[in-house]
N, C-alpha and C. Protein backbone atom coordinates (compact mmCIF):
# COMPACT_ATOMS: atom_id res chain seq x y z
N PRO A 1 158.36 108.06 104.49
CA PRO A 1 158.29 108.24 103.07
C PRO A 1 157.68 106.68 102.56
N ILE A 2 158.43 105.43 103.21
CA ILE A 2 158.05 103.71 102.77
C ILE A 2 156.91 103.72 102.85
N ILE A 3 156.35 104.03 104.57
CA ILE A 3 155.16 103.79 104.79
C ILE A 3 154.05 104.64 103.90
N ALA A 4 154.24 105.92 103.71
CA ALA A 4 153.32 106.69 102.70
C ALA A 4 153.16 105.97 101.41
N GLY A 5 154.15 105.30 100.86
CA GLY A 5 154.25 104.58 99.32
C GLY A 5 153.52 103.63 99.67
N ALA A 6 153.89 102.88 100.62
CA ALA A 6 153.26 101.41 100.53
C ALA A 6 151.73 101.46 100.59
N SER A 7 151.03 102.48 101.46
CA SER A 7 149.70 102.79 101.44
C SER A 7 149.29 103.35 100.35
N VAL A 8 149.69 104.20 99.79
CA VAL A 8 149.44 104.32 98.71
C VAL A 8 149.34 103.58 97.27
N ALA A 9 150.12 102.63 97.58
CA ALA A 9 150.35 101.48 96.37
C ALA A 9 148.97 100.27 96.88
N ALA A 10 148.94 100.51 98.25
CA ALA A 10 147.86 99.28 98.55
C ALA A 10 146.49 99.94 97.93
N LEU A 11 146.09 101.40 98.30
CA LEU A 11 144.92 101.86 97.97
C LEU A 11 144.46 101.72 96.49
N ALA A 12 145.72 102.08 95.76
CA ALA A 12 145.47 102.40 94.44
C ALA A 12 145.24 100.56 93.78
N LEU A 13 145.99 99.84 94.35
CA LEU A 13 145.57 98.42 93.90
C LEU A 13 144.13 98.12 94.59
N THR A 14 143.77 98.15 95.59
CA THR A 14 142.20 98.09 96.02
C THR A 14 141.45 98.83 95.08
N GLY A 15 141.40 99.86 94.86
CA GLY A 15 140.87 100.81 93.98
C GLY A 15 140.74 100.34 92.68
N ARG A 16 141.74 99.73 92.13
CA ARG A 16 141.79 98.78 91.02
C ARG A 16 140.98 97.73 91.11
N ALA A 17 141.26 96.97 91.91
CA ALA A 17 140.38 95.47 92.18
C ALA A 17 138.95 96.02 92.39
N ALA A 18 138.59 97.30 93.11
CA ALA A 18 136.87 97.38 92.86
C ALA A 18 136.43 97.86 91.48
N ILE A 19 137.24 98.26 90.78
CA ILE A 19 136.65 99.34 89.64
C ILE A 19 136.64 97.90 88.66
N LEU A 20 137.72 96.89 88.48
CA LEU A 20 137.76 95.64 87.77
C LEU A 20 136.49 94.60 88.05
N SER A 21 136.14 94.69 89.63
CA SER A 21 135.10 93.89 89.79
C SER A 21 133.51 94.69 89.26
N PHE A 22 133.72 95.68 89.38
CA PHE A 22 132.14 96.44 89.08
C PHE A 22 131.81 96.24 87.77
N GLU A 23 133.04 96.71 86.64
CA GLU A 23 132.82 96.43 85.60
C GLU A 23 132.40 94.90 85.09
N ALA A 24 133.28 94.04 85.64
CA ALA A 24 132.89 92.59 85.57
C ALA A 24 131.16 92.58 85.76
N TRP A 25 130.66 93.02 86.81
CA TRP A 25 129.51 92.87 87.50
C TRP A 25 128.44 93.29 86.51
N ARG A 26 129.10 94.44 85.93
CA ARG A 26 127.88 95.35 85.11
C ARG A 26 127.86 94.56 83.67
N LYS A 27 129.06 93.82 83.06
CA LYS A 27 129.08 93.30 81.98
C LYS A 27 128.42 91.71 82.15
N ALA A 28 128.15 91.17 83.33
CA ALA A 28 127.31 90.18 83.01
C ALA A 28 126.08 89.96 82.69
N PRO A 29 125.60 88.68 82.18
CA PRO A 29 124.39 88.80 81.57
C PRO A 29 123.60 88.98 83.14
N PRO A 30 121.85 89.16 82.96
CA PRO A 30 121.12 89.08 83.83
C PRO A 30 120.94 87.96 84.28
N ARG A 31 120.12 87.53 85.20
CA ARG A 31 120.00 86.19 85.44
C ARG A 31 118.88 85.86 84.67
N MET A 32 118.97 84.62 84.23
CA MET A 32 117.72 84.23 83.38
C MET A 32 116.55 83.67 83.89
N ARG A 33 115.28 84.13 83.80
CA ARG A 33 114.11 84.27 84.25
C ARG A 33 113.38 83.71 83.33
N LYS A 34 112.75 82.66 83.25
CA LYS A 34 111.71 81.96 82.45
C LYS A 34 110.38 82.97 82.77
N PHE A 35 110.05 83.35 81.23
CA PHE A 35 108.88 84.31 81.29
C PHE A 35 107.85 83.27 80.63
N TYR A 36 106.68 83.59 80.73
CA TYR A 36 105.47 82.96 79.88
C TYR A 36 105.63 83.11 78.52
N ASP A 37 105.42 81.91 78.04
CA ASP A 37 105.83 81.59 76.45
C ASP A 37 104.27 81.89 75.89
N GLY A 38 104.24 82.70 74.99
CA GLY A 38 102.61 82.52 73.90
C GLY A 38 101.92 84.04 74.48
N GLY A 39 100.91 84.13 73.44
CA GLY A 39 100.20 85.49 73.52
C GLY A 39 98.81 85.37 74.95
N PHE A 40 97.79 86.10 74.74
CA PHE A 40 97.06 86.21 75.59
C PHE A 40 95.83 84.89 75.17
N GLU A 41 95.32 84.23 76.22
CA GLU A 41 94.09 83.44 76.10
C GLU A 41 92.86 84.59 75.42
N PRO A 42 91.98 83.78 74.87
CA PRO A 42 90.72 84.34 74.27
C PRO A 42 89.80 84.79 75.70
N GLU A 43 89.66 83.99 76.46
CA GLU A 43 89.19 84.39 77.72
C GLU A 43 89.82 84.44 78.96
N MET A 44 90.47 85.44 79.59
CA MET A 44 91.79 85.26 80.81
C MET A 44 90.87 84.50 81.77
N THR A 45 92.11 83.77 81.96
CA THR A 45 91.77 82.70 83.31
C THR A 45 92.46 83.35 84.38
N LYS A 46 92.79 82.41 85.63
CA LYS A 46 93.22 83.07 86.98
C LYS A 46 94.68 82.76 86.62
N ARG A 47 94.84 81.92 86.07
CA ARG A 47 96.22 81.56 85.96
C ARG A 47 97.09 82.86 85.27
N GLU A 48 96.46 82.98 84.10
CA GLU A 48 97.17 84.08 83.13
C GLU A 48 96.97 85.31 83.85
N ALA A 49 96.28 85.57 84.94
CA ALA A 49 95.86 86.53 85.31
C ALA A 49 96.95 86.87 86.40
N ALA A 50 97.56 85.85 86.80
CA ALA A 50 98.25 85.74 88.24
C ALA A 50 99.95 85.91 87.46
N LEU A 51 99.73 85.31 85.94
CA LEU A 51 101.20 85.35 85.35
C LEU A 51 101.62 86.86 84.84
N ILE A 52 100.62 87.66 84.63
CA ILE A 52 100.56 88.78 84.28
C ILE A 52 101.30 89.84 85.62
N LEU A 53 100.48 89.90 86.35
CA LEU A 53 100.94 90.59 87.56
C LEU A 53 102.12 89.89 88.03
N GLY A 54 102.40 88.71 87.82
CA GLY A 54 103.61 88.09 88.73
C GLY A 54 103.38 87.85 90.35
N VAL A 55 102.05 87.16 90.11
CA VAL A 55 101.72 86.53 91.87
C VAL A 55 101.07 85.46 91.90
N ARG A 56 101.19 84.77 92.56
CA ARG A 56 100.08 83.36 92.78
C ARG A 56 98.67 83.79 92.66
N GLU A 57 98.10 82.61 92.09
CA GLU A 57 96.64 82.58 91.97
C GLU A 57 95.67 82.92 93.17
N SER A 58 96.58 82.49 94.37
CA SER A 58 95.84 83.00 95.53
C SER A 58 96.40 83.87 96.61
N ALA A 59 96.76 84.67 95.90
CA ALA A 59 97.60 85.89 96.51
C ALA A 59 96.38 86.94 97.29
N ALA A 60 96.83 87.62 98.32
CA ALA A 60 95.94 88.59 99.16
C ALA A 60 95.89 90.17 98.62
N LYS A 61 94.85 90.09 98.48
CA LYS A 61 94.57 91.51 98.01
C LYS A 61 95.61 92.50 97.87
N ASP A 62 96.10 93.21 99.18
CA ASP A 62 97.08 93.82 98.75
C ASP A 62 98.55 93.13 98.17
N LYS A 63 98.78 92.28 98.13
CA LYS A 63 99.74 91.92 96.85
C LYS A 63 99.34 92.05 95.46
N VAL A 64 98.01 91.59 95.35
CA VAL A 64 97.76 91.79 93.93
C VAL A 64 97.35 93.66 93.36
N LEU A 65 96.83 94.25 94.56
CA LEU A 65 97.17 95.73 94.08
C LEU A 65 98.36 96.12 94.09
N ALA A 66 99.63 95.87 95.04
CA ALA A 66 100.73 96.18 94.96
C ALA A 66 101.37 95.85 93.30
N ALA A 67 101.07 94.70 93.22
CA ALA A 67 101.77 94.18 91.78
C ALA A 67 101.00 94.74 90.91
N HIS A 68 99.92 94.90 90.91
CA HIS A 68 99.51 95.81 89.38
C HIS A 68 99.73 97.16 89.70
N ARG A 69 99.97 97.62 90.88
CA ARG A 69 100.57 99.39 90.73
C ARG A 69 101.79 99.37 89.94
N LYS A 70 102.74 98.21 90.38
CA LYS A 70 104.18 98.19 89.57
C LYS A 70 104.21 98.35 88.08
N VAL A 71 103.18 97.07 87.99
CA VAL A 71 103.10 96.64 86.46
C VAL A 71 102.23 97.95 85.94
N MET A 72 101.45 98.78 86.24
CA MET A 72 101.30 99.57 86.11
C MET A 72 101.97 100.80 85.41
N ILE A 73 103.00 101.07 86.50
CA ILE A 73 103.67 102.24 86.15
C ILE A 73 104.70 101.71 84.88
N ALA A 74 104.91 100.47 84.80
CA ALA A 74 106.00 100.38 83.93
C ALA A 74 105.37 100.36 82.10
N ASN A 75 103.49 100.09 82.57
CA ASN A 75 103.30 99.88 80.98
C ASN A 75 102.19 100.83 80.73
N HIS A 76 102.18 101.69 81.64
CA HIS A 76 100.91 102.99 81.31
C HIS A 76 101.19 103.77 80.00
N PRO A 77 100.21 103.99 79.44
CA PRO A 77 100.54 104.61 78.50
C PRO A 77 100.43 105.91 78.08
N ASP A 78 100.19 106.60 79.27
CA ASP A 78 100.74 107.82 79.56
C ASP A 78 102.34 108.16 79.48
N ALA A 79 102.75 106.98 79.84
CA ALA A 79 104.34 106.86 79.93
C ALA A 79 104.86 106.04 78.79
N GLY A 80 103.89 105.95 77.57
CA GLY A 80 104.90 105.07 76.25
C GLY A 80 104.15 103.82 76.47
N GLY A 81 103.15 103.19 77.16
CA GLY A 81 103.02 101.94 77.17
C GLY A 81 101.85 101.58 76.06
N SER A 82 101.56 100.88 75.97
CA SER A 82 100.29 100.25 75.26
C SER A 82 99.05 100.10 75.64
N ASP A 83 98.11 100.54 75.30
CA ASP A 83 96.57 100.75 75.72
C ASP A 83 96.01 99.25 75.65
N TYR A 84 96.56 98.52 74.66
CA TYR A 84 95.96 96.94 75.15
C TYR A 84 96.85 96.14 76.08
N ILE A 85 97.88 96.51 76.22
CA ILE A 85 98.71 95.68 77.72
C ILE A 85 98.11 96.34 79.02
N ALA A 86 97.66 97.60 78.91
CA ALA A 86 97.05 98.27 80.18
C ALA A 86 95.87 97.81 80.30
N THR A 87 95.24 97.38 79.45
CA THR A 87 93.71 96.77 79.64
C THR A 87 94.16 95.33 80.05
N LYS A 88 94.82 94.80 79.65
CA LYS A 88 94.96 93.38 80.04
C LYS A 88 95.45 93.47 81.15
N ILE A 89 96.36 94.29 81.98
CA ILE A 89 97.08 94.22 83.26
C ILE A 89 95.64 94.69 83.98
N ASN A 90 94.67 95.72 83.62
CA ASN A 90 93.40 95.69 84.50
C ASN A 90 92.46 94.78 84.52
N GLU A 91 92.52 93.95 83.58
CA GLU A 91 91.34 92.71 83.17
C GLU A 91 92.32 91.96 84.40
N ALA A 92 93.53 91.56 84.32
CA ALA A 92 94.01 90.57 85.02
C ALA A 92 94.00 90.78 86.83
N LYS A 93 94.15 92.38 87.05
CA LYS A 93 93.84 92.72 88.24
C LYS A 93 92.27 92.23 88.89
N ALA A 94 91.23 92.86 87.75
CA ALA A 94 89.72 92.58 88.47
C ALA A 94 89.57 90.77 88.44
N LYS A 95 90.21 90.13 87.63
CA LYS A 95 90.31 88.58 87.82
C LYS A 95 90.75 87.80 89.27
N LEU A 96 91.99 88.68 89.19
CA LEU A 96 92.31 88.25 90.91
C LEU A 96 91.63 88.90 92.07
N LEU A 97 90.51 89.50 91.88
CA LEU A 97 89.79 90.18 93.01
C LEU A 97 88.57 90.07 92.98
N ASN A 98 88.38 89.05 92.03
CA ASN A 98 86.85 88.35 91.81
C ASN A 98 86.04 89.06 91.28
N LYS A 99 86.14 90.62 91.03
CA LYS A 99 85.62 91.63 90.27
C LYS A 99 85.08 91.02 88.60
N GLY A 100 85.19 90.09 88.29
CA GLY A 100 84.41 89.49 86.94
C GLY A 100 85.56 89.75 85.71
N GLY A 101 85.79 91.05 85.44
CA GLY A 101 86.74 91.34 84.52
C GLY A 101 86.39 90.72 83.01
N SER A 102 84.96 91.52 82.53
CA SER A 102 84.69 91.12 81.14
C SER A 102 85.87 91.48 80.12
N GLY A 103 85.89 90.75 79.02
CA GLY A 103 86.47 90.62 78.08
C GLY A 103 87.36 91.86 77.36
N ALA A 104 88.52 91.99 77.21
CA ALA A 104 89.45 93.17 76.45
C ALA A 104 88.12 94.17 75.32
N PRO A 105 88.36 95.08 75.47
CA PRO A 105 87.31 95.68 74.19
C PRO A 105 88.56 95.87 72.80
N PHE A 106 89.35 95.36 72.61
CA PHE A 106 90.09 95.52 71.67
C PHE A 106 90.42 94.14 71.09
C-alpha cells in the first residue's frame, strides 16, 4: 500500500507539473519577429518581392515556388484573402523568377 500510494502521488505531481508547464507555454507571448514596416512600393523591387515571400533575393527557383505556395495558401481570395494581396504575391513570384511581373491591376 505504501509503494502504491507513493507511486500515485508521484504520478499526480508529474501530471500537475506537465499541465502547469503546458499552460505557461501556451500563455507565453509569441516570439518577437521584425516585420516589414510600410506599404508596397509603386514599382516592385526584388527586395520587396523577397520580403513578401520571406526568401532571399537570390533564392533558388524551388525555394521561391515553395514560399509562394505557402503564402498563397494563407492569403488566397477563395479562402477569404484579399485579391490585392494575392496579386502582389503573384507579382513577387514573377519578379524573383525574372518573368517581369508588370504592375498590379489595382
